[in-house]
Amino acid sequence: MVFPGLNAAVFINGCFWHGHKDGECKLARIPKSNVTFWETKIKGNRERDIRNWKELKSRGWRVFVIWECNLTKKGLLEKLVIDLRKTQPLKEQTSAISD
């Protein structure tokens, strides 16, 4: 989602496709077949994500990431709205909305 007036971009990442690194995420498991293919594919996706986030940040955008496994967590959207309303740019790290 893009909020041009707020200079904010919200990415909703599929845990499998974007290699969610949360050890408790069951959705990010690599299949047991064709392991090398999937590891390479997901690594490439993660590298592209990081490049895109850095590019957006270099242009003054704030970047938020919501992980698929956290979509059902209570309070997630409220936290996102609070973070979007902040006028101060975020620090170097991408904000992962997952609490």
PDB file of N, CA and C in Angstrom:
ATOM      1  N   MET A   1       0.853  -1.152   0.000  1.00  0.00           N
ATOM      2  CA  MET A   1       0.000   0.000   0.000  1.00  0.00           C
ATOM      3  C   MET A   1       0.907   1.225   0.000  1.00  0.00           C
ATOM      4  N   VAL A   2       0.489   2.237  -0.719  1.00  0.00           N
ATOM      5  CA  VAL A   2       1.281   3.456  -0.813  1.00  0.00           C
ATOM      6  C   VAL A   2       0.440   4.625  -0.308  1.00  0.00           C
ATOM      7  N   PHE A   3       1.052   5.435   0.566  1.00  0.00           N
ATOM      8  CA  PHE A   3       0.414   6.623   1.118  1.00  0.00           C
ATOM      9  C   PHE A   3       1.279   7.825   0.758  1.00  0.00           C
ATOM     10  N   PRO A   4       1.108   8.374  -0.467  1.00  0.00           N
ATOM     11  CA  PRO A   4       1.986   9.451  -0.925  1.00  0.00           C
ATOM     12  C   PRO A   4       1.981  10.670  -0.010  1.00  0.00           C
ATOM     13  N   GLY A   5       0.823  11.027   0.531  1.00  0.00           N
ATOM     14  CA  GLY A   5       0.735  12.191   1.403  1.00  0.00           C
ATOM     15  C   GLY A   5       1.500  12.023   2.708  1.00  0.00           C
ATOM     16  N   LEU A   6       1.745  10.783   3.078  1.00  0.00           N
ATOM     17  CA  LEU A   6       2.467  10.480   4.311  1.00  0.00           C
ATOM     18  C   LEU A   6       3.890  10.004   4.033  1.00  0.00           C
ATOM     19  N   ASN A   7       4.251   9.955   2.761  1.00  0.00           N
ATOM     20  CA  ASN A   7       5.558   9.400   2.364  1.00  0.00           C
ATOM     21  C   ASN A   7       5.782   8.047   3.029  1.00  0.00           C
ATOM     22  N   ALA A   8       4.803   7.167   2.897  1.00  0.00           N
ATOM     23  CA  ALA A   8       4.875   5.864   3.548  1.00  0.00           C
ATOM     24  C   ALA A   8       4.460   4.762   2.574  1.00  0.00           C
ATOM     25  N   ALA A   9       5.177   3.651   2.663  1.00  0.00           N
ATOM     26  CA  ALA A   9       4.853   2.458   1.895  1.00  0.00           C
ATOM     27  C   ALA A   9       4.702   1.303   2.872  1.00  0.00           C
ATOM     28  N   VAL A  10       3.635   0.524   2.703  1.00  0.00           N
ATOM     29  CA  VAL A  10       3.380  -0.627   3.561  1.00  0.00           C
ATOM     30  C   VAL A  10       3.434  -1.873   2.687  1.00  0.00           C
ATOM     31  N   PHE A  11       4.353  -2.762   3.018  1.00  0.00           N
ATOM     32  CA  PHE A  11       4.481  -4.024   2.307  1.00  0.00           C
ATOM     33  C   PHE A  11       3.833  -5.107   3.150  1.00  0.00           C
ATOM     34  N   ILE A  12       2.985  -5.909   2.530  1.00  0.00           N
ATOM     35  CA  ILE A  12       2.404  -7.063   3.207  1.00  0.00           C
ATOM     36  C   ILE A  12       3.067  -8.276   2.574  1.00  0.00           C
ATOM     37  N   ASN A  13       4.017  -8.845   3.310  1.00  0.00           N
ATOM     38  CA  ASN A  13       4.862  -9.907   2.770  1.00  0.00           C
ATOM     39  C   ASN A  13       4.332 -11.291   3.109  1.00  0.00           C
ATOM     40  N   GLY A  14       4.280 -12.138   2.096  1.00  0.00           N
ATOM     41  CA  GLY A  14       4.016 -13.553   2.313  1.00  0.00           C
ATOM     42  C   GLY A  14       5.236 -14.161   2.993  1.00  0.00           C
ATOM     43  N   CYS A  15       5.031 -14.857   4.077  1.00  0.00           N
ATOM     44  CA  CYS A  15       6.149 -15.391   4.872  1.00  0.00           C
ATOM     45  C   CYS A  15       7.036 -16.325   4.064  1.00  0.00           C
ATOM     46  N   PHE A  16       6.447 -17.190   3.262  1.00  0.00           N
ATOM     47  CA  PHE A  16       7.238 -18.122   2.469  1.00  0.00           C
ATOM     48  C   PHE A  16       8.033 -17.379   1.407  1.00  0.00           C
ATOM     49  N   TRP A  17       7.359 -16.564   0.600  1.00  0.00           N
ATOM     50  CA  TRP A  17       7.994 -15.932  -0.559  1.00  0.00           C
ATOM     51  C   TRP A  17       9.059 -14.911  -0.181  1.00  0.00           C
ATOM     52  N   HIS A  18       8.949 -14.332   0.989  1.00  0.00           N
ATOM     53  CA  HIS A  18       9.903 -13.293   1.390  1.00  0.00           C
ATOM     54  C   HIS A  18      10.814 -13.762   2.525  1.00  0.00           C
ATOM     55  N   GLY A  19      10.765 -15.050   2.863  1.00  0.00           N
ATOM     56  CA  GLY A  19      11.710 -15.644   3.803  1.00  0.00           C
ATOM     57  C   GLY A  19      11.643 -15.056   5.196  1.00  0.00           C
ATOM     58  N   HIS A  20      10.459 -15.044   5.772  1.00  0.00           N
ATOM     59  CA  HIS A  20      10.295 -14.523   7.127  1.00  0.00           C
ATOM     60  C   HIS A  20      11.251 -15.241   8.073  1.00  0.00           C
ATOM     61  N   LYS A  21      12.048 -14.485   8.798  1.00  0.00           N
ATOM     62  CA  LYS A  21      13.105 -15.052   9.645  1.00  0.00           C
ATOM     63  C   LYS A  21      12.657 -15.323  11.084  1.00  0.00           C
ATOM     64  N   ASP A  22      11.400 -15.095  11.380  1.00  0.00           N
ATOM     65  CA  ASP A  22      10.887 -15.371  12.720  1.00  0.00           C
ATOM     66  C   ASP A  22      10.871 -16.887  12.926  1.00  0.00           C
ATOM     67  N   GLY A  23      11.613 -17.361  13.914  1.00  0.00           N
ATOM     68  CA  GLY A  23      11.726 -18.790  14.171  1.00  0.00           C
ATOM     69  C   GLY A  23      10.406 -19.473  14.494  1.00  0.00           C
ATOM     70  N   GLU A  24       9.416 -18.713  14.889  1.00  0.00           N
ATOM     71  CA  GLU A  24       8.124 -19.295  15.224  1.00  0.00           C
ATOM     72  C   GLU A  24       7.155 -19.298  14.051  1.00  0.00           C
ATOM     73  N   CYS A  25       7.556 -18.707  12.923  1.00  0.00           N
ATOM     74  CA  CYS A  25       6.674 -18.642  11.754  1.00  0.00           C
ATOM     75  C   CYS A  25       6.681 -19.982  11.030  1.00  0.00           C
ATOM     76  N   LYS A  26       5.522 -20.618  11.004  1.00  0.00           N
ATOM     77  CA  LYS A  26       5.399 -21.916  10.350  1.00  0.00           C
ATOM     78  C   LYS A  26       5.165 -21.779   8.844  1.00  0.00           C
ATOM     79  N   LEU A  27       4.871 -20.583   8.389  1.00  0.00           N
ATOM     80  CA  LEU A  27       4.564 -20.368   6.976  1.00  0.00           C
ATOM     81  C   LEU A  27       5.805 -20.189   6.113  1.00  0.00           C
ATOM     82  N   ALA A  28       6.966 -20.010   6.720  1.00  0.00           N
ATOM     83  CA  ALA A  28       8.192 -19.705   5.973  1.00  0.00           C
ATOM     84  C   ALA A  28       9.076 -20.927   5.761  1.00  0.00           C
ATOM     85  N   ARG A  29       8.574 -22.088   6.045  1.00  0.00           N
ATOM     86  CA  ARG A  29       9.395 -23.298   5.909  1.00  0.00           C
ATOM     87  C   ARG A  29       9.682 -23.623   4.446  1.00  0.00           C
ATOM     88  N   ILE A  30      10.936 -24.002   4.191  1.00  0.00           N
ATOM     89  CA  ILE A  30      11.364 -24.392   2.844  1.00  0.00           C
ATOM     90  C   ILE A  30      10.846 -25.803   2.549  1.00  0.00           C
ATOM     91  N   PRO A  31      10.303 -26.041   1.359  1.00  0.00           N
ATOM     92  CA  PRO A  31       9.874 -27.399   1.006  1.00  0.00           C
ATOM     93  C   PRO A  31      11.040 -28.376   1.054  1.00  0.00           C
ATOM     94  N   LYS A  32      10.743 -29.631   1.273  1.00  0.00           N
ATOM     95  CA  LYS A  32      11.787 -30.652   1.377  1.00  0.00           C
ATOM     96  C   LYS A  32      12.312 -31.090   0.010  1.00  0.00           C
ATOM     97  N   SER A  33      11.585 -30.774  -1.039  1.00  0.00           N
ATOM     98  CA  SER A  33      12.071 -31.106  -2.380  1.00  0.00           C
ATOM     99  C   SER A  33      12.555 -29.828  -3.062  1.00  0.00           C
ATOM    100  N   ASN A  34      13.557 -29.978  -3.914  1.00  0.00           N
ATOM    101  CA  ASN A  34      14.099 -28.859  -4.683  1.00  0.00           C
ATOM    102  C   ASN A  34      14.600 -27.731  -3.773  1.00  0.00           C
ATOM    103  N   VAL A  35      15.235 -28.105  -2.679  1.00  0.00           N
ATOM    104  CA  VAL A  35      15.661 -27.172  -1.628  1.00  0.00           C
ATOM    105  C   VAL A  35      16.555 -26.067  -2.166  1.00  0.00           C
ATOM    106  N   THR A  36      17.537 -26.419  -2.979  1.00  0.00           N
ATOM    107  CA  THR A  36      18.464 -25.407  -3.498  1.00  0.00           C
ATOM    108  C   THR A  36      17.722 -24.358  -4.312  1.00  0.00           C
ATOM    109  N   PHE A  37      16.787 -24.781  -5.151  1.00  0.00           N
ATOM    110  CA  PHE A  37      15.998 -23.839  -5.945  1.00  0.00           C
ATOM    111  C   PHE A  37      15.268 -22.850  -5.043  1.00  0.00           C
ATOM    112  N   TRP A  38      14.566 -23.377  -4.028  1.00  0.00           N
ATOM    113  CA  TRP A  38      13.759 -22.518  -3.168  1.00  0.00           C
ATOM    114  C   TRP A  38      14.618 -21.588  -2.324  1.00  0.00           C
ATOM    115  N   GLU A  39      15.728 -22.089  -1.819  1.00  0.00           N
ATOM    116  CA  GLU A  39      16.612 -21.221  -1.035  1.00  0.00           C
ATOM    117  C   GLU A  39      17.152 -20.078  -1.892  1.00  0.00           C
ATOM    118  N   THR A  40      17.540 -20.379  -3.123  1.00  0.00           N
ATOM    119  CA  THR A  40      18.043 -19.348  -4.030  1.00  0.00           C
ATOM    120  C   THR A  40      16.945 -18.346  -4.383  1.00  0.00           C
ATOM    121  N   LYS A  41      15.759 -18.848  -4.681  1.00  0.00           N
ATOM    122  CA  LYS A  41      14.629 -17.992  -5.046  1.00  0.00           C
ATOM    123  C   LYS A  41      14.276 -17.042  -3.905  1.00  0.00           C
ATOM    124  N   ILE A  42      14.151 -17.565  -2.714  1.00  0.00           N
ATOM    125  CA  ILE A  42      13.746 -16.747  -1.563  1.00  0.00           C
ATOM    126  C   ILE A  42      14.858 -15.777  -1.185  1.00  0.00           C
ATOM    127  N   LYS A  43      16.100 -16.209  -1.272  1.00  0.00           N
ATOM    128  CA  LYS A  43      17.216 -15.298  -1.001  1.00  0.00           C
ATOM    129  C   LYS A  43      17.180 -14.119  -1.973  1.00  0.00           C
ATOM    130  N   GLY A  44      16.914 -14.385  -3.241  1.00  0.00           N
ATOM    131  CA  GLY A  44      16.800 -13.318  -4.234  1.00  0.00           C
ATOM    132  C   GLY A  44      15.653 -12.370  -3.921  1.00  0.00           C
ATOM    133  N   ASN A  45      14.534 -12.920  -3.493  1.00  0.00           N
ATOM    134  CA  ASN A  45      13.389 -12.076  -3.115  1.00  0.00           C
ATOM    135  C   ASN A  45      13.756 -11.159  -1.954  1.00  0.00           C
ATOM    136  N   ARG A  46      14.434 -11.710  -0.943  1.00  0.00           N
ATOM    137  CA  ARG A  46      14.832 -10.912   0.226  1.00  0.00           C
ATOM    138  C   ARG A  46      15.810  -9.812  -0.172  1.00  0.00           C
ATOM    139  N   GLU A  47      16.757 -10.150  -1.023  1.00  0.00           N
ATOM    140  CA  GLU A  47      17.732  -9.148  -1.469  1.00  0.00           C
ATOM    141  C   GLU A  47      17.050  -8.022  -2.242  1.00  0.00           C
ATOM    142  N   ARG A  48      16.091  -8.376  -3.100  1.00  0.00           N
ATOM    143  CA  ARG A  48      15.329  -7.363  -3.843  1.00  0.00           C
ATOM    144  C   ARG A  48      14.510  -6.495  -2.889  1.00  0.00           C
ATOM    145  N   ASP A  49      13.894  -7.125  -1.887  1.00  0.00           N
ATOM    146  CA  ASP A  49      13.125  -6.358  -0.901  1.00  0.00           C
ATOM    147  C   ASP A  49      14.017  -5.311  -0.241  1.00  0.00           C
ATOM    148  N   ILE A  50      15.188  -5.728   0.194  1.00  0.00           N
ATOM    149  CA  ILE A  50      16.095  -4.809   0.897  1.00  0.00           C
ATOM    150  C   ILE A  50      16.520  -3.667  -0.020  1.00  0.00           C
ATOM    151  N   ARG A  51      16.843  -3.987  -1.278  1.00  0.00           N
ATOM    152  CA  ARG A  51      17.205  -2.926  -2.239  1.00  0.00           C
ATOM    153  C   ARG A  51      16.061  -1.935  -2.401  1.00  0.00           C
ATOM    154  N   ASN A  52      14.845  -2.457  -2.551  1.00  0.00           N
ATOM    155  CA  ASN A  52      13.677  -1.577  -2.733  1.00  0.00           C
ATOM    156  C   ASN A  52      13.434  -0.712  -1.504  1.00  0.00           C
ATOM    157  N   TRP A  53      13.557  -1.304  -0.306  1.00  0.00           N
ATOM    158  CA  TRP A  53      13.353  -0.540   0.924  1.00  0.00           C
ATOM    159  C   TRP A  53      14.389   0.566   1.036  1.00  0.00           C
ATOM    160  N   LYS A  54      15.649   0.232   0.750  1.00  0.00           N
ATOM    161  CA  LYS A  54      16.708   1.247   0.825  1.00  0.00           C
ATOM    162  C   LYS A  54      16.465   2.372  -0.163  1.00  0.00           C
ATOM    163  N   GLU A  55      16.017   2.028  -1.363  1.00  0.00           N
ATOM    164  CA  GLU A  55      15.733   3.052  -2.378  1.00  0.00           C
ATOM    165  C   GLU A  55      14.605   3.978  -1.909  1.00  0.00           C
ATOM    166  N   LEU A  56      13.554   3.401  -1.394  1.00  0.00           N
ATOM    167  CA  LEU A  56      12.445   4.219  -0.890  1.00  0.00           C
ATOM    168  C   LEU A  56      12.917   5.130   0.239  1.00  0.00           C
ATOM    169  N   LYS A  57      13.678   4.571   1.173  1.00  0.00           N
ATOM    170  CA  LYS A  57      14.174   5.370   2.300  1.00  0.00           C
ATOM    171  C   LYS A  57      15.084   6.497   1.832  1.00  0.00           C
ATOM    172  N   SER A  58      15.904   6.226   0.813  1.00  0.00           N
ATOM    173  CA  SER A  58      16.804   7.261   0.308  1.00  0.00           C
ATOM    174  C   SER A  58      16.027   8.420  -0.316  1.00  0.00           C
ATOM    175  N   ARG A  59      14.783   8.157  -0.691  1.00  0.00           N
ATOM    176  CA  ARG A  59      13.913   9.191  -1.264  1.00  0.00           C
ATOM    177  C   ARG A  59      12.993   9.821  -0.215  1.00  0.00           C
ATOM    178  N   GLY A  60      13.258   9.483   1.042  1.00  0.00           N
ATOM    179  CA  GLY A  60      12.500  10.095   2.127  1.00  0.00           C
ATOM    180  C   GLY A  60      11.221   9.376   2.518  1.00  0.00           C
ATOM    181  N   TRP A  61      11.025   8.173   2.018  1.00  0.00           N
ATOM    182  CA  TRP A  61       9.826   7.406   2.343  1.00  0.00           C
ATOM    183  C   TRP A  61      10.050   6.594   3.617  1.00  0.00           C
ATOM    184  N   ARG A  62       8.956   6.379   4.341  1.00  0.00           N
ATOM    185  CA  ARG A  62       8.964   5.470   5.487  1.00  0.00           C
ATOM    186  C   ARG A  62       8.452   4.125   4.997  1.00  0.00           C
ATOM    187  N   VAL A  63       9.085   3.054   5.451  1.00  0.00           N
ATOM    188  CA  VAL A  63       8.751   1.707   4.988  1.00  0.00           C
ATOM    189  C   VAL A  63       8.285   0.871   6.167  1.00  0.00           C
ATOM    190  N   PHE A  64       7.154   0.214   5.981  1.00  0.00           N
ATOM    191  CA  PHE A  64       6.591  -0.670   6.991  1.00  0.00           C
ATOM    192  C   PHE A  64       6.397  -2.046   6.354  1.00  0.00           C
ATOM    193  N   VAL A  65       6.661  -3.090   7.126  1.00  0.00           N
ATOM    194  CA  VAL A  65       6.472  -4.458   6.645  1.00  0.00           C
ATOM    195  C   VAL A  65       5.524  -5.177   7.591  1.00  0.00           C
ATOM    196  N   ILE A  66       4.482  -5.748   7.022  1.00  0.00           N
ATOM    197  CA  ILE A  66       3.559  -6.590   7.776  1.00  0.00           C
ATOM    198  C   ILE A  66       3.739  -8.010   7.237  1.00  0.00           C
ATOM    199  N   TRP A  67       3.966  -8.943   8.131  1.00  0.00           N
ATOM    200  CA  TRP A  67       4.153 -10.334   7.719  1.00  0.00           C
ATOM    201  C   TRP A  67       2.826 -11.071   7.727  1.00  0.00           C
ATOM    202  N   GLU A  68       2.656 -11.933   6.753  1.00  0.00           N
ATOM    203  CA  GLU A  68       1.439 -12.721   6.571  1.00  0.00           C
ATOM    204  C   GLU A  68       0.985 -13.393   7.872  1.00  0.00           C
ATOM    205  N   CYS A  69       1.921 -13.974   8.618  1.00  0.00           N
ATOM    206  CA  CYS A  69       1.556 -14.719   9.823  1.00  0.00           C
ATOM    207  C   CYS A  69       1.028 -13.814  10.931  1.00  0.00           C
ATOM    208  N   ASN A  70       1.231 -12.514  10.782  1.00  0.00           N
ATOM    209  CA  ASN A  70       0.782 -11.586  11.815  1.00  0.00           C
ATOM    210  C   ASN A  70      -0.528 -10.881  11.466  1.00  0.00           C
ATOM    211  N   LEU A  71      -1.090 -11.186  10.321  1.00  0.00           N
ATOM    212  CA  LEU A  71      -2.289 -10.479   9.883  1.00  0.00           C
ATOM    213  C   LEU A  71      -3.483 -10.659  10.815  1.00  0.00           C
ATOM    214  N   THR A  72      -3.520 -11.747  11.538  1.00  0.00           N
ATOM    215  CA  THR A  72      -4.666 -11.993  12.424  1.00  0.00           C
ATOM    216  C   THR A  72      -4.429 -11.491  13.846  1.00  0.00           C
ATOM    217  N   LYS A  73      -3.255 -10.938  14.112  1.00  0.00           N
ATOM    218  CA  LYS A  73      -2.968 -10.471  15.472  1.00  0.00           C
ATOM    219  C   LYS A  73      -3.792  -9.241  15.808  1.00  0.00           C
ATOM    220  N   LYS A  74      -4.364  -9.271  16.977  1.00  0.00           N
ATOM    221  CA  LYS A  74      -5.169  -8.155  17.446  1.00  0.00           C
ATOM    222  C   LYS A  74      -4.285  -6.918  17.642  1.00  0.00           C
ATOM    223  N   GLY A  75      -4.768  -5.793  17.192  1.00  0.00           N
ATOM    224  CA  GLY A  75      -4.066  -4.540  17.387  1.00  0.00           C
ATOM    225  C   GLY A  75      -3.081  -4.196  16.278  1.00  0.00           C
ATOM    226  N   LEU A  76      -2.898  -5.096  15.314  1.00  0.00           N
ATOM    227  CA  LEU A  76      -1.921  -4.868  14.249  1.00  0.00           C
ATOM    228  C   LEU A  76      -2.257  -3.616  13.437  1.00  0.00           C
ATOM    229  N   LEU A  77      -3.498  -3.513  12.986  1.00  0.00           N
ATOM    230  CA  LEU A  77      -3.866  -2.358  12.167  1.00  0.00           C
ATOM    231  C   LEU A  77      -3.842  -1.066  12.967  1.00  0.00           C
ATOM    232  N   GLU A  78      -4.223  -1.129  14.224  1.00  0.00           N
ATOM    233  CA  GLU A  78      -4.171   0.061  15.069  1.00  0.00           C
ATOM    234  C   GLU A  78      -2.733   0.552  15.216  1.00  0.00           C
ATOM    235  N   LYS A  79      -1.795  -0.375  15.408  1.00  0.00           N
ATOM    236  CA  LYS A  79      -0.380  -0.015  15.521  1.00  0.00           C
ATOM    237  C   LYS A  79       0.112   0.608  14.214  1.00  0.00           C
ATOM    238  N   LEU A  80      -0.301   0.041  13.102  1.00  0.00           N
ATOM    239  CA  LEU A  80       0.098   0.586  11.806  1.00  0.00           C
ATOM    240  C   LEU A  80      -0.404   2.017  11.647  1.00  0.00           C
ATOM    241  N   VAL A  81      -1.658   2.253  11.992  1.00  0.00           N
ATOM    242  CA  VAL A  81      -2.218   3.604  11.866  1.00  0.00           C
ATOM    243  C   VAL A  81      -1.452   4.581  12.755  1.00  0.00           C
ATOM    244  N   ILE A  82      -1.139   4.187  13.965  1.00  0.00           N
ATOM    245  CA  ILE A  82      -0.370   5.050  14.872  1.00  0.00           C
ATOM    246  C   ILE A  82       0.992   5.363  14.265  1.00  0.00           C
ATOM    247  N   ASP A  83       1.671   4.334  13.755  1.00  0.00           N
ATOM    248  CA  ASP A  83       2.987   4.541  13.147  1.00  0.00           C
ATOM    249  C   ASP A  83       2.902   5.404  11.896  1.00  0.00           C
ATOM    250  N   LEU A  84       1.870   5.232  11.097  1.00  0.00           N
ATOM    251  CA  LEU A  84       1.710   6.050   9.891  1.00  0.00           C
ATOM    252  C   LEU A  84       1.486   7.519  10.228  1.00  0.00           C
ATOM    253  N   ARG A  85       0.828   7.780  11.330  1.00  0.00           N
ATOM    254  CA  ARG A  85       0.523   9.167  11.705  1.00  0.00           C
ATOM    255  C   ARG A  85       1.733   9.915  12.251  1.00  0.00           C
ATOM    256  N   LYS A  86       2.772   9.192  12.629  1.00  0.00           N
ATOM    257  CA  LYS A  86       3.973   9.841  13.136  1.00  0.00           C
ATOM    258  C   LYS A  86       4.601  10.658  12.016  1.00  0.00           C
ATOM    259  N   THR A  87       4.976  11.871  12.322  1.00  0.00           N
ATOM    260  CA  THR A  87       5.553  12.727  11.290  1.00  0.00           C
ATOM    261  C   THR A  87       7.059  12.579  11.199  1.00  0.00           C
ATOM    262  N   GLN A  88       7.685  12.045  12.227  1.00  0.00           N
ATOM    263  CA  GLN A  88       9.138  11.872  12.223  1.00  0.00           C
ATOM    264  C   GLN A  88       9.492  10.681  11.340  1.00  0.00           C
ATOM    265  N   PRO A  89      10.507  10.814  10.478  1.00  0.00           N
ATOM    266  CA  PRO A  89      10.941   9.653   9.691  1.00  0.00           C
ATOM    267  C   PRO A  89      11.483   8.564  10.609  1.00  0.00           C
ATOM    268  N   LEU A  90      11.339   7.329  10.177  1.00  0.00           N
ATOM    269  CA  LEU A  90      11.841   6.216  10.970  1.00  0.00           C
ATOM    270  C   LEU A  90      13.352   6.130  10.854  1.00  0.00           C
ATOM    271  N   LYS A  91      13.956   5.415  11.782  1.00  0.00           N
ATOM    272  CA  LYS A  91      15.399   5.204  11.761  1.00  0.00           C
ATOM    273  C   LYS A  91      15.745   4.315  10.562  1.00  0.00           C
ATOM    274  N   GLU A  92      17.004   3.968  10.451  1.00  0.00           N
ATOM    275  CA  GLU A  92      17.500   3.187   9.319  1.00  0.00           C
ATOM    276  C   GLU A  92      16.737   1.879   9.115  1.00  0.00           C
ATOM    277  N   GLN A  93      16.350   1.230  10.195  1.00  0.00           N
ATOM    278  CA  GLN A  93      15.721  -0.071  10.075  1.00  0.00           C
ATOM    279  C   GLN A  93      14.310   0.066   9.526  1.00  0.00           C
ATOM    280  N   THR A  94      13.904  -0.927   8.774  1.00  0.00           N
ATOM    281  CA  THR A  94      12.531  -1.018   8.314  1.00  0.00           C
ATOM    282  C   THR A  94      11.670  -1.440   9.495  1.00  0.00           C
ATOM    283  N   SER A  95      10.539  -0.813   9.649  1.00  0.00           N
ATOM    284  CA  SER A  95       9.666  -1.145  10.751  1.00  0.00           C
ATOM    285  C   SER A  95       8.844  -2.387  10.376  1.00  0.00           C
ATOM    286  N   ALA A  96       8.998  -3.434  11.139  1.00  0.00           N
ATOM    287  CA  ALA A  96       8.205  -4.635  10.927  1.00  0.00           C
ATOM    288  C   ALA A  96       7.045  -4.603  11.896  1.00  0.00           C
ATOM    289  N   ILE A  97       5.875  -4.400  11.375  1.00  0.00           N
ATOM    290  CA  ILE A  97       4.683  -4.329  12.216  1.00  0.00           C
ATOM    291  C   ILE A  97       4.251  -5.758  12.495  1.00  0.00           C
ATOM    292  N   SER A  98       4.547  -6.237  13.700  1.00  0.00           N
ATOM    293  CA  SER A  98       4.217  -7.634  13.981  1.00  0.00           C
ATOM    294  C   SER A  98       3.787  -7.838  15.431  1.00  0.00           C
ATOM    295  N   ASP A  99       3.673  -6.806  16.180  1.00  0.00           N
ATOM    296  CA  ASP A  99       3.271  -6.979  17.583  1.00  0.00           C
ATOM    297  C   ASP A  99       1.785  -6.813  17.737  1.00  0.00           C
TER     298      ASP A  99
END
